[in-house]
N, C-alpha and C. Protein backbone atom coordinates (compact mmCIF):
# COMPACT_ATOMS: atom_id res chain seq x y z
N UNK A 1 -14.14 -2.05 -2.53
CA UNK A 1 -13.08 -2.74 -3.34
C UNK A 1 -12.13 -3.21 -2.55
N UNK A 2 -11.55 -4.39 -2.62
CA UNK A 2 -10.55 -4.83 -2.10
C UNK A 2 -9.13 -4.14 -2.31
N UNK A 3 -8.16 -4.03 -1.18
CA UNK A 3 -7.05 -3.23 -1.69
C UNK A 3 -6.15 -3.75 -2.69
N UNK A 4 -6.17 -5.05 -2.78
CA UNK A 4 -5.40 -5.71 -3.82
C UNK A 4 -5.92 -5.50 -5.36
N UNK A 5 -7.10 -5.35 -5.45
CA UNK A 5 -7.76 -5.20 -6.72
C UNK A 5 -7.51 -3.54 -7.11
N UNK A 6 -7.65 -2.59 -5.87
CA UNK A 6 -7.30 -1.27 -6.20
C UNK A 6 -5.89 -1.18 -6.69
N UNK A 7 -5.05 -1.66 -5.98
CA UNK A 7 -3.70 -1.73 -6.43
C UNK A 7 -3.46 -2.15 -7.79
N UNK A 8 -4.04 -3.20 -8.26
CA UNK A 8 -4.07 -3.80 -9.51
C UNK A 8 -4.55 -2.96 -10.37
N UNK A 9 -5.69 -2.15 -10.30
CA UNK A 9 -6.09 -1.11 -11.04
C UNK A 9 -5.17 0.06 -11.18
N UNK A 10 -4.76 0.50 -10.21
CA UNK A 10 -3.88 1.66 -10.26
C UNK A 10 -2.69 1.43 -10.86
N UNK A 11 -1.95 0.16 -10.60
CA UNK A 11 -0.87 -0.20 -11.41
C UNK A 11 -1.02 -0.36 -13.06
N UNK A 12 -2.27 -0.95 -13.49
CA UNK A 12 -2.49 -1.06 -14.80
C UNK A 12 -2.79 0.42 -15.35
N UNK A 13 -3.40 1.33 -14.63
CA UNK A 13 -3.53 2.65 -15.16
C UNK A 13 -2.10 3.29 -15.23
N UNK A 14 -1.18 3.14 -14.48
CA UNK A 14 0.11 3.69 -14.33
C UNK A 14 0.87 2.98 -15.73
N UNK A 15 0.68 1.70 -15.87
CA UNK A 15 1.24 0.94 -16.88
C UNK A 15 0.84 1.45 -18.46
N UNK A 16 -0.49 1.82 -18.24
CA UNK A 16 -1.04 2.31 -19.63
C UNK A 16 -0.68 3.69 -19.91
N UNK A 17 -0.53 4.34 -18.83
CA UNK A 17 0.27 5.79 -18.94
C UNK A 17 1.61 5.79 -19.34
N UNK A 18 2.29 4.80 -18.99
CA UNK A 18 3.76 4.78 -19.38
C UNK A 18 3.83 4.35 -20.94
N UNK A 19 2.93 3.49 -21.35
CA UNK A 19 2.85 2.98 -22.67
C UNK A 19 2.33 3.97 -23.70
N UNK A 20 1.42 4.91 -23.34
CA UNK A 20 0.87 5.89 -24.15
C UNK A 20 1.80 6.97 -24.35
N UNK A 21 2.55 7.43 -23.10
CA UNK A 21 3.51 8.43 -23.35
C UNK A 21 4.80 7.89 -24.02
N UNK A 22 4.98 6.79 -24.26
CA UNK A 22 6.14 6.25 -24.69
C UNK A 22 7.38 6.07 -23.83
N UNK A 23 6.98 6.20 -22.46
CA UNK A 23 8.17 6.08 -21.55
C UNK A 23 8.74 4.53 -21.37
N UNK A 24 8.08 3.66 -21.93
CA UNK A 24 8.53 2.21 -21.76
C UNK A 24 9.75 2.07 -23.06
N UNK A 25 9.64 2.97 -23.90
CA UNK A 25 10.74 3.00 -24.99
C UNK A 25 12.10 3.73 -24.54
N UNK A 26 13.11 2.90 -24.18
CA UNK A 26 14.39 3.42 -23.79
C UNK A 26 15.04 4.51 -24.81
N UNK A 27 14.67 4.46 -26.00
CA UNK A 27 15.34 5.39 -26.87
C UNK A 27 14.51 6.82 -26.78
N UNK A 28 13.40 6.75 -26.10
CA UNK A 28 12.68 8.34 -25.69
C UNK A 28 13.61 8.68 -24.56
N UNK A 29 13.74 7.83 -23.53
CA UNK A 29 14.45 8.35 -22.33
C UNK A 29 15.98 8.76 -22.78
N UNK A 30 16.63 7.89 -23.46
CA UNK A 30 18.15 8.18 -23.81
C UNK A 30 18.01 9.51 -24.72
N UNK A 31 17.03 9.80 -25.48
CA UNK A 31 16.90 11.01 -26.22
C UNK A 31 16.71 12.17 -25.55
N UNK A 32 16.08 11.95 -24.28
CA UNK A 32 15.92 13.10 -23.28
C UNK A 32 17.17 13.50 -22.66
N UNK A 33 17.96 12.30 -22.41
CA UNK A 33 19.18 12.63 -21.83
C UNK A 33 20.25 13.14 -22.57
N UNK A 34 20.16 13.11 -23.86
CA UNK A 34 21.25 13.54 -24.80
C UNK A 34 20.91 14.89 -25.14
N UNK A 35 21.54 15.80 -24.12
CA UNK A 35 21.44 17.22 -24.40
C UNK A 35 22.51 17.70 -25.39
N UNK A 36 23.49 17.18 -25.79
CA UNK A 36 24.57 17.56 -26.81
C UNK A 36 24.12 17.09 -28.09
N UNK A 37 23.08 16.26 -28.29
CA UNK A 37 22.76 15.52 -29.63
C UNK A 37 21.35 15.98 -30.06
N UNK A 38 20.85 14.98 -30.44
CA UNK A 38 19.33 15.24 -30.87
C UNK A 38 18.39 15.26 -29.70
N UNK A 39 18.33 16.21 -28.75
CA UNK A 39 17.40 16.32 -27.58
C UNK A 39 16.01 16.16 -27.77
N UNK A 40 15.50 15.08 -27.10
CA UNK A 40 13.88 14.85 -27.10
C UNK A 40 13.33 15.39 -25.81
N UNK A 41 12.55 16.57 -25.79
CA UNK A 41 11.76 16.96 -24.69
C UNK A 41 10.66 16.29 -24.08
N UNK A 42 10.24 15.34 -24.62
CA UNK A 42 9.17 14.43 -24.46
C UNK A 42 8.82 14.20 -22.91
N UNK A 43 10.04 13.71 -22.37
CA UNK A 43 10.05 13.17 -20.96
C UNK A 43 9.84 14.39 -20.03
N UNK A 44 10.21 15.47 -20.32
CA UNK A 44 9.97 16.73 -19.53
C UNK A 44 8.35 17.01 -19.66
N UNK A 45 7.78 16.86 -20.76
CA UNK A 45 6.60 17.06 -20.79
C UNK A 45 5.53 16.07 -19.83
N UNK A 46 6.17 14.73 -19.94
CA UNK A 46 5.42 13.61 -19.29
C UNK A 46 5.58 14.06 -17.69
N UNK A 47 6.98 14.36 -17.25
CA UNK A 47 6.99 14.75 -15.83
C UNK A 47 6.23 16.01 -15.37
N UNK A 48 6.31 16.88 -16.27
CA UNK A 48 5.46 18.15 -15.90
C UNK A 48 3.89 17.68 -15.78
N UNK A 49 3.31 16.87 -16.59
CA UNK A 49 1.97 16.38 -16.51
C UNK A 49 1.93 15.74 -15.36
N UNK A 50 2.84 14.88 -14.82
CA UNK A 50 2.68 14.08 -13.64
C UNK A 50 2.68 14.94 -12.43
N UNK A 51 3.57 16.09 -12.33
CA UNK A 51 3.43 17.02 -11.32
C UNK A 51 2.17 17.74 -11.23
N UNK A 52 1.46 18.27 -12.21
CA UNK A 52 0.07 18.88 -12.47
C UNK A 52 -0.80 17.93 -11.67
N UNK A 53 -0.66 16.69 -11.82
CA UNK A 53 -1.67 15.75 -11.07
C UNK A 53 -1.34 15.55 -9.75
N UNK A 54 0.01 15.14 -9.40
CA UNK A 54 0.40 14.69 -8.16
C UNK A 54 0.37 15.77 -7.27
N UNK A 55 0.90 17.02 -7.39
CA UNK A 55 1.04 18.12 -6.39
C UNK A 55 -0.28 18.38 -5.73
N UNK A 56 -1.26 18.70 -6.50
CA UNK A 56 -2.62 18.90 -5.79
C UNK A 56 -3.11 17.60 -5.13
N UNK A 57 -2.84 16.46 -5.69
CA UNK A 57 -3.20 15.22 -5.04
C UNK A 57 -2.68 14.85 -3.63
N UNK A 58 -1.34 15.39 -3.50
CA UNK A 58 -0.62 15.16 -2.37
C UNK A 58 -1.18 16.09 -1.45
N UNK A 59 -1.37 17.41 -1.86
CA UNK A 59 -1.91 18.55 -1.06
C UNK A 59 -3.27 17.97 -0.30
N UNK A 60 -4.29 17.48 -1.24
CA UNK A 60 -5.39 16.96 -0.85
C UNK A 60 -5.42 15.77 0.31
N UNK A 61 -4.37 14.95 -0.04
CA UNK A 61 -4.19 13.72 0.79
C UNK A 61 -3.55 14.17 2.17
N UNK A 62 -2.85 15.19 2.19
CA UNK A 62 -2.40 15.62 3.62
C UNK A 62 -3.45 16.32 4.54
N UNK A 63 -4.61 16.69 3.97
CA UNK A 63 -5.46 17.08 4.70
C UNK A 63 -6.44 16.07 5.27
N UNK A 64 -6.32 14.81 4.80
CA UNK A 64 -6.98 13.50 5.22
C UNK A 64 -6.33 13.05 6.59
N UNK A 65 -7.17 12.38 7.54
CA UNK A 65 -6.66 11.88 8.63
C UNK A 65 -5.91 10.45 8.28
N UNK A 66 -6.34 9.94 7.12
CA UNK A 66 -5.68 8.66 6.91
C UNK A 66 -6.04 8.31 5.37
N UNK A 67 -5.21 7.53 4.78
CA UNK A 67 -5.40 6.95 3.39
C UNK A 67 -7.02 6.38 3.40
N UNK A 68 -7.49 6.33 2.11
CA UNK A 68 -8.74 5.57 1.76
C UNK A 68 -8.68 4.30 2.00
N UNK A 69 -7.48 3.50 1.83
CA UNK A 69 -7.59 1.98 1.87
C UNK A 69 -6.41 1.66 2.94
N UNK A 70 -6.02 2.56 3.84
CA UNK A 70 -4.83 2.13 4.84
C UNK A 70 -5.39 2.71 6.14
N UNK A 71 -4.74 2.05 7.26
CA UNK A 71 -4.84 2.66 8.61
C UNK A 71 -4.27 3.91 8.75
N UNK A 72 -3.19 4.13 8.05
CA UNK A 72 -2.40 5.45 8.29
C UNK A 72 -1.28 5.58 7.22
N UNK A 73 -0.94 7.05 7.01
CA UNK A 73 0.09 7.40 6.15
C UNK A 73 1.42 6.81 6.49
N UNK A 74 2.38 6.33 5.63
CA UNK A 74 3.74 5.95 5.85
C UNK A 74 4.55 6.74 5.31
N UNK A 75 5.12 7.79 6.20
CA UNK A 75 5.85 8.78 5.56
C UNK A 75 7.32 8.51 6.22
N UNK A 76 8.31 8.96 5.16
CA UNK A 76 9.77 8.76 5.60
C UNK A 76 10.05 9.70 6.93
N UNK A 77 10.78 9.01 7.86
CA UNK A 77 11.26 9.68 9.06
C UNK A 77 12.51 10.47 8.87
N UNK A 78 13.29 10.10 7.80
CA UNK A 78 14.62 10.69 7.71
C UNK A 78 14.43 11.94 6.63
N UNK A 79 15.34 13.05 7.13
CA UNK A 79 15.28 14.04 5.95
C UNK A 79 16.83 14.46 5.57
N UNK A 80 17.69 13.67 6.19
CA UNK A 80 19.02 14.09 6.05
C UNK A 80 19.77 13.46 4.77
N UNK A 81 20.51 14.04 3.96
CA UNK A 81 21.37 13.72 2.88
C UNK A 81 22.65 12.87 3.30
N UNK A 82 22.85 11.61 3.29
CA UNK A 82 23.90 11.02 3.59
C UNK A 82 24.43 10.28 2.29
N UNK A 83 25.81 9.56 2.60
CA UNK A 83 26.35 8.94 1.58
C UNK A 83 25.61 7.82 0.91
N UNK A 84 24.71 7.11 1.67
CA UNK A 84 23.91 5.93 0.90
C UNK A 84 22.98 6.56 0.05
N UNK A 85 22.28 7.66 0.42
CA UNK A 85 21.34 8.36 -0.47
C UNK A 85 22.12 8.99 -1.84
N UNK A 86 23.16 9.56 -1.61
CA UNK A 86 23.83 9.96 -2.66
C UNK A 86 24.37 8.68 -3.68
N UNK A 87 24.86 7.79 -3.06
CA UNK A 87 25.52 6.55 -3.75
C UNK A 87 24.34 5.88 -4.33
N UNK A 88 23.02 5.74 -3.79
CA UNK A 88 22.07 5.21 -4.45
C UNK A 88 21.53 5.84 -5.57
N UNK A 89 21.66 7.19 -5.39
CA UNK A 89 20.92 8.21 -6.57
C UNK A 89 21.90 8.02 -7.85
N UNK A 90 23.21 7.93 -7.45
CA UNK A 90 24.15 7.96 -8.62
C UNK A 90 24.12 6.65 -9.32
N UNK A 91 24.00 5.54 -8.65
CA UNK A 91 23.85 4.26 -9.15
C UNK A 91 22.52 4.15 -9.96
N UNK A 92 21.41 4.78 -9.51
CA UNK A 92 20.14 4.94 -10.24
C UNK A 92 20.47 5.62 -11.38
N UNK A 93 20.89 6.81 -11.40
CA UNK A 93 21.25 7.59 -12.60
C UNK A 93 22.11 7.14 -13.79
N UNK A 94 23.09 6.46 -13.20
CA UNK A 94 24.05 5.70 -14.16
C UNK A 94 23.32 4.55 -14.80
N UNK A 95 22.45 3.80 -14.17
CA UNK A 95 21.78 2.73 -14.53
C UNK A 95 20.54 3.14 -15.65
N UNK A 96 19.89 4.27 -15.24
CA UNK A 96 19.09 4.92 -16.11
C UNK A 96 19.50 5.45 -17.47
N UNK A 97 20.69 6.09 -17.31
CA UNK A 97 21.29 6.66 -18.46
C UNK A 97 21.90 5.75 -19.44
N UNK A 98 22.54 4.65 -18.93
CA UNK A 98 23.04 3.48 -19.94
C UNK A 98 21.97 2.78 -20.55
N UNK A 99 20.92 2.37 -19.76
CA UNK A 99 19.75 1.59 -20.35
C UNK A 99 18.64 2.27 -20.73
N UNK A 100 18.27 3.39 -20.14
CA UNK A 100 17.15 4.05 -20.85
C UNK A 100 16.02 3.72 -19.99
N UNK A 101 16.00 2.79 -19.07
CA UNK A 101 15.00 2.19 -18.20
C UNK A 101 14.94 2.69 -16.69
N UNK A 102 13.87 2.96 -16.24
CA UNK A 102 13.93 3.13 -14.66
C UNK A 102 12.86 2.11 -14.40
N UNK A 103 12.92 1.64 -12.84
CA UNK A 103 12.06 0.56 -12.64
C UNK A 103 10.57 0.33 -13.00
N UNK A 104 9.82 1.28 -12.86
CA UNK A 104 8.41 1.31 -13.34
C UNK A 104 8.21 0.97 -14.83
N UNK A 105 8.84 1.86 -15.73
CA UNK A 105 8.78 1.58 -16.98
C UNK A 105 9.26 0.14 -17.57
N UNK A 106 10.43 -0.30 -16.71
CA UNK A 106 10.92 -1.62 -17.05
C UNK A 106 10.11 -2.55 -16.75
N UNK A 107 9.47 -2.57 -15.70
CA UNK A 107 8.56 -3.66 -15.39
C UNK A 107 7.32 -3.67 -16.30
N UNK A 108 6.94 -2.57 -16.65
CA UNK A 108 5.71 -2.52 -17.76
C UNK A 108 6.21 -2.93 -19.16
N UNK A 109 7.45 -2.51 -19.39
CA UNK A 109 7.92 -3.02 -20.62
C UNK A 109 8.21 -4.41 -20.85
N UNK A 110 8.31 -5.26 -19.85
CA UNK A 110 8.35 -6.65 -19.78
C UNK A 110 7.46 -7.28 -20.70
N UNK A 111 6.16 -6.80 -20.77
CA UNK A 111 5.11 -7.15 -21.48
C UNK A 111 5.27 -7.04 -22.94
N UNK A 112 6.23 -6.18 -23.42
CA UNK A 112 6.64 -5.92 -24.82
C UNK A 112 7.55 -7.15 -25.30
N UNK A 113 8.05 -7.78 -24.41
CA UNK A 113 8.88 -8.67 -25.04
C UNK A 113 10.36 -8.40 -25.57
N UNK A 114 10.69 -7.13 -25.33
CA UNK A 114 11.96 -6.60 -25.66
C UNK A 114 13.00 -7.22 -25.00
N UNK A 115 14.06 -7.83 -25.53
CA UNK A 115 15.16 -8.70 -24.71
C UNK A 115 15.87 -7.87 -23.86
N UNK A 116 16.18 -6.73 -24.17
CA UNK A 116 17.02 -6.00 -23.34
C UNK A 116 16.27 -5.54 -21.95
N UNK A 117 15.05 -5.38 -21.98
CA UNK A 117 14.25 -5.17 -20.77
C UNK A 117 14.42 -6.24 -19.61
N UNK A 118 14.51 -7.56 -20.18
CA UNK A 118 14.73 -8.59 -19.27
C UNK A 118 16.18 -8.46 -18.47
N UNK A 119 17.06 -8.05 -19.36
CA UNK A 119 18.69 -8.03 -18.70
C UNK A 119 18.32 -6.96 -17.84
N UNK A 120 18.03 -5.87 -18.15
CA UNK A 120 17.60 -4.68 -17.07
C UNK A 120 17.02 -5.25 -15.94
N UNK A 121 15.89 -5.71 -15.88
CA UNK A 121 15.25 -6.28 -14.61
C UNK A 121 16.04 -7.44 -13.86
N UNK A 122 16.66 -8.21 -14.55
CA UNK A 122 17.53 -9.11 -13.88
C UNK A 122 18.41 -8.54 -13.06
N UNK A 123 19.24 -7.51 -13.71
CA UNK A 123 20.25 -6.57 -13.12
C UNK A 123 19.76 -5.90 -11.85
N UNK A 124 18.51 -5.36 -12.05
CA UNK A 124 17.78 -4.48 -11.01
C UNK A 124 17.62 -5.44 -9.77
N UNK A 125 17.06 -6.70 -10.02
CA UNK A 125 16.91 -7.65 -8.87
C UNK A 125 17.93 -8.05 -8.41
N UNK A 126 19.09 -8.39 -9.19
CA UNK A 126 20.38 -8.57 -8.55
C UNK A 126 20.82 -7.48 -7.67
N UNK A 127 20.84 -6.33 -8.06
CA UNK A 127 21.19 -5.26 -7.39
C UNK A 127 20.37 -5.15 -6.11
N UNK A 128 19.08 -5.21 -6.07
CA UNK A 128 18.25 -5.19 -4.64
C UNK A 128 18.77 -6.33 -3.78
N UNK A 129 19.01 -7.62 -4.40
CA UNK A 129 19.60 -8.62 -3.41
C UNK A 129 20.92 -8.45 -2.90
N UNK A 130 21.73 -7.81 -3.57
CA UNK A 130 23.01 -7.45 -3.19
C UNK A 130 22.92 -6.51 -2.08
N UNK A 131 22.03 -5.44 -2.22
CA UNK A 131 21.99 -4.50 -1.06
C UNK A 131 21.40 -5.15 0.08
N UNK A 132 20.46 -5.89 -0.06
CA UNK A 132 19.84 -6.50 1.35
C UNK A 132 21.02 -7.52 1.88
N UNK A 133 21.74 -8.26 1.00
CA UNK A 133 22.85 -8.93 1.64
C UNK A 133 23.67 -7.96 2.26
N UNK A 134 24.28 -6.98 1.61
CA UNK A 134 25.29 -6.13 2.33
C UNK A 134 24.67 -5.32 3.33
N UNK A 135 23.47 -5.04 3.38
CA UNK A 135 22.68 -4.30 4.61
C UNK A 135 22.62 -5.28 5.98
N UNK A 136 22.55 -6.52 5.64
CA UNK A 136 22.37 -7.57 6.80
C UNK A 136 23.70 -7.73 7.30
N UNK A 137 24.90 -7.41 6.77
CA UNK A 137 26.18 -7.84 7.23
C UNK A 137 26.55 -6.61 8.23
């Protein structure tokens, strides 16, 4: 199977999982982040389920000489924590907390036609462009 078709199928499976779990609904995410109010633990269960699948999957993948559809693994080379990492995590967290979207669910939610998601995705793309521009200077 061609890598592009495999990527499409895996992306569709991921999007379906987000839709079924309700994680494309920003109210669910904001409910999870509302510890002082009406806290919704659903996202914790979704994350726990993801860990139950991904941890053994990564352990099995590390035992392989290469991925099934690539010539080699692409692993990060840096392990240090610097200002850019902390700043990026902070910006991500603030955006997630204000909007209830993170990038994957936001892209999937574009299919729902909810106007707020288009504003979020536009801001996300603008942020990525600004980062590239600033990085190139």
